[in-house]
Protein backbone atom coordinates (compact mmCIF):
# COMPACT_ATOMS: atom_id res chain seq x y z
CA UNK A 1 -105.56 -192.71 -233.24
CA UNK A 2 -104.41 -193.50 -229.69
CA UNK A 3 -103.37 -196.95 -228.58
CA UNK A 4 -102.65 -198.08 -225.02
CA UNK A 5 -100.45 -201.11 -224.48
CA UNK A 6 -99.71 -202.85 -221.17
CA UNK A 7 -97.09 -205.57 -221.09
CA UNK A 8 -95.80 -207.81 -218.30
CA UNK A 9 -92.84 -210.17 -218.56
CA UNK A 10 -92.31 -212.24 -215.44
CA UNK A 11 -89.77 -214.91 -214.53
CA UNK A 12 -90.08 -217.00 -211.34
CA UNK A 13 -87.29 -219.07 -209.83
CA UNK A 14 -87.31 -221.72 -207.10
CA UNK A 15 -84.51 -219.98 -205.21
CA UNK A 16 -82.61 -216.69 -205.35
CA UNK A 17 -80.61 -216.13 -208.52
CA UNK A 18 -78.32 -213.45 -209.91
CA UNK A 19 -79.19 -211.41 -212.98
CA UNK A 20 -76.89 -210.05 -215.66
CA UNK A 21 -77.78 -207.02 -217.74
CA UNK A 22 -81.06 -207.25 -219.62
CA UNK A 23 -81.69 -205.40 -222.90
CA UNK A 24 -85.36 -204.42 -223.07
CA UNK A 25 -86.88 -203.53 -226.43
CA UNK A 26 -90.28 -202.35 -225.21
CA UNK A 27 -90.70 -198.82 -226.59
CA UNK A 28 -91.91 -198.36 -230.18
CA UNK A 29 -89.71 -196.46 -232.60
CA UNK A 30 -91.02 -192.95 -233.24
CA UNK A 31 -91.32 -191.45 -236.71
CA UNK A 32 -93.19 -188.67 -238.48
CA UNK A 33 -96.39 -190.69 -238.17
CA UNK A 34 -95.80 -192.40 -234.80
CA UNK A 35 -95.55 -190.36 -231.60
CA UNK A 36 -95.24 -191.90 -228.14
CA UNK A 37 -97.30 -189.70 -225.80
CA UNK A 38 -96.14 -191.46 -222.63
CA UNK A 39 -94.08 -194.47 -221.63
CA UNK A 40 -93.13 -195.96 -218.28
CA UNK A 41 -91.02 -198.92 -217.26
CA UNK A 42 -91.15 -200.59 -213.86
CA UNK A 43 -88.75 -203.36 -212.83
CA UNK A 44 -88.83 -205.65 -209.82
CA UNK A 45 -86.38 -205.98 -208.22
CA UNK A 46 -85.26 -202.40 -208.69
CA UNK A 47 -82.71 -201.94 -211.45
CA UNK A 48 -80.49 -199.18 -212.73
CA UNK A 49 -81.87 -198.33 -216.19
CA UNK A 50 -79.62 -196.96 -218.93
CA UNK A 51 -81.30 -195.76 -222.14
CA UNK A 52 -79.59 -196.07 -225.51
CA UNK A 53 -80.24 -196.71 -229.20
CA UNK A 54 -79.12 -199.77 -231.13
CA UNK A 55 -77.63 -199.78 -234.64
CA UNK A 56 -81.15 -199.77 -236.13
CA UNK A 57 -82.17 -196.69 -234.08
CA UNK A 58 -84.43 -198.70 -231.75
CA UNK A 59 -84.72 -197.44 -228.18
CA UNK A 60 -83.22 -199.93 -225.72
CA UNK A 61 -83.47 -199.90 -221.93
CA UNK A 62 -80.51 -201.73 -220.40
CA UNK A 63 -81.39 -202.91 -216.88
CA UNK A 64 -78.59 -203.66 -214.40
CA UNK A 65 -79.51 -205.46 -211.20
CA UNK A 66 -77.71 -205.60 -207.87
CA UNK A 67 -77.05 -208.61 -205.67
CA UNK A 68 -78.16 -212.17 -206.34
CA UNK A 69 -81.21 -212.42 -204.13
CA UNK A 70 -84.35 -212.14 -206.23
CA UNK A 71 -86.58 -215.10 -206.98
CA UNK A 72 -88.92 -213.03 -209.16
CA UNK A 73 -88.03 -210.79 -212.09
CA UNK A 74 -90.72 -208.69 -213.75
CA UNK A 75 -90.83 -205.85 -216.28
C-alpha cells in the first residue's frame, strides 16, 4: 500500500519577528513494515536543517533561522 501525505503548517505575524530553533516531527518512523519511499521538507524563510533522532528513535528535523525579518513561517 502506498500513501501520499501533504502537510502545511503556516504562521503569520503582523510585523517581522525572530524565530528560535524549531523541532519538526514530520517524518514517520520506519520499521520492518513501514518504508518511506520519499520525503521532502521545504521551509520559508530558508532555514538550516539538522537531522537527528530523539530518545524514542523518532526522526526530528531541527530548523534554525537567520535574522529577525520574516512575517510568515511555513513548513
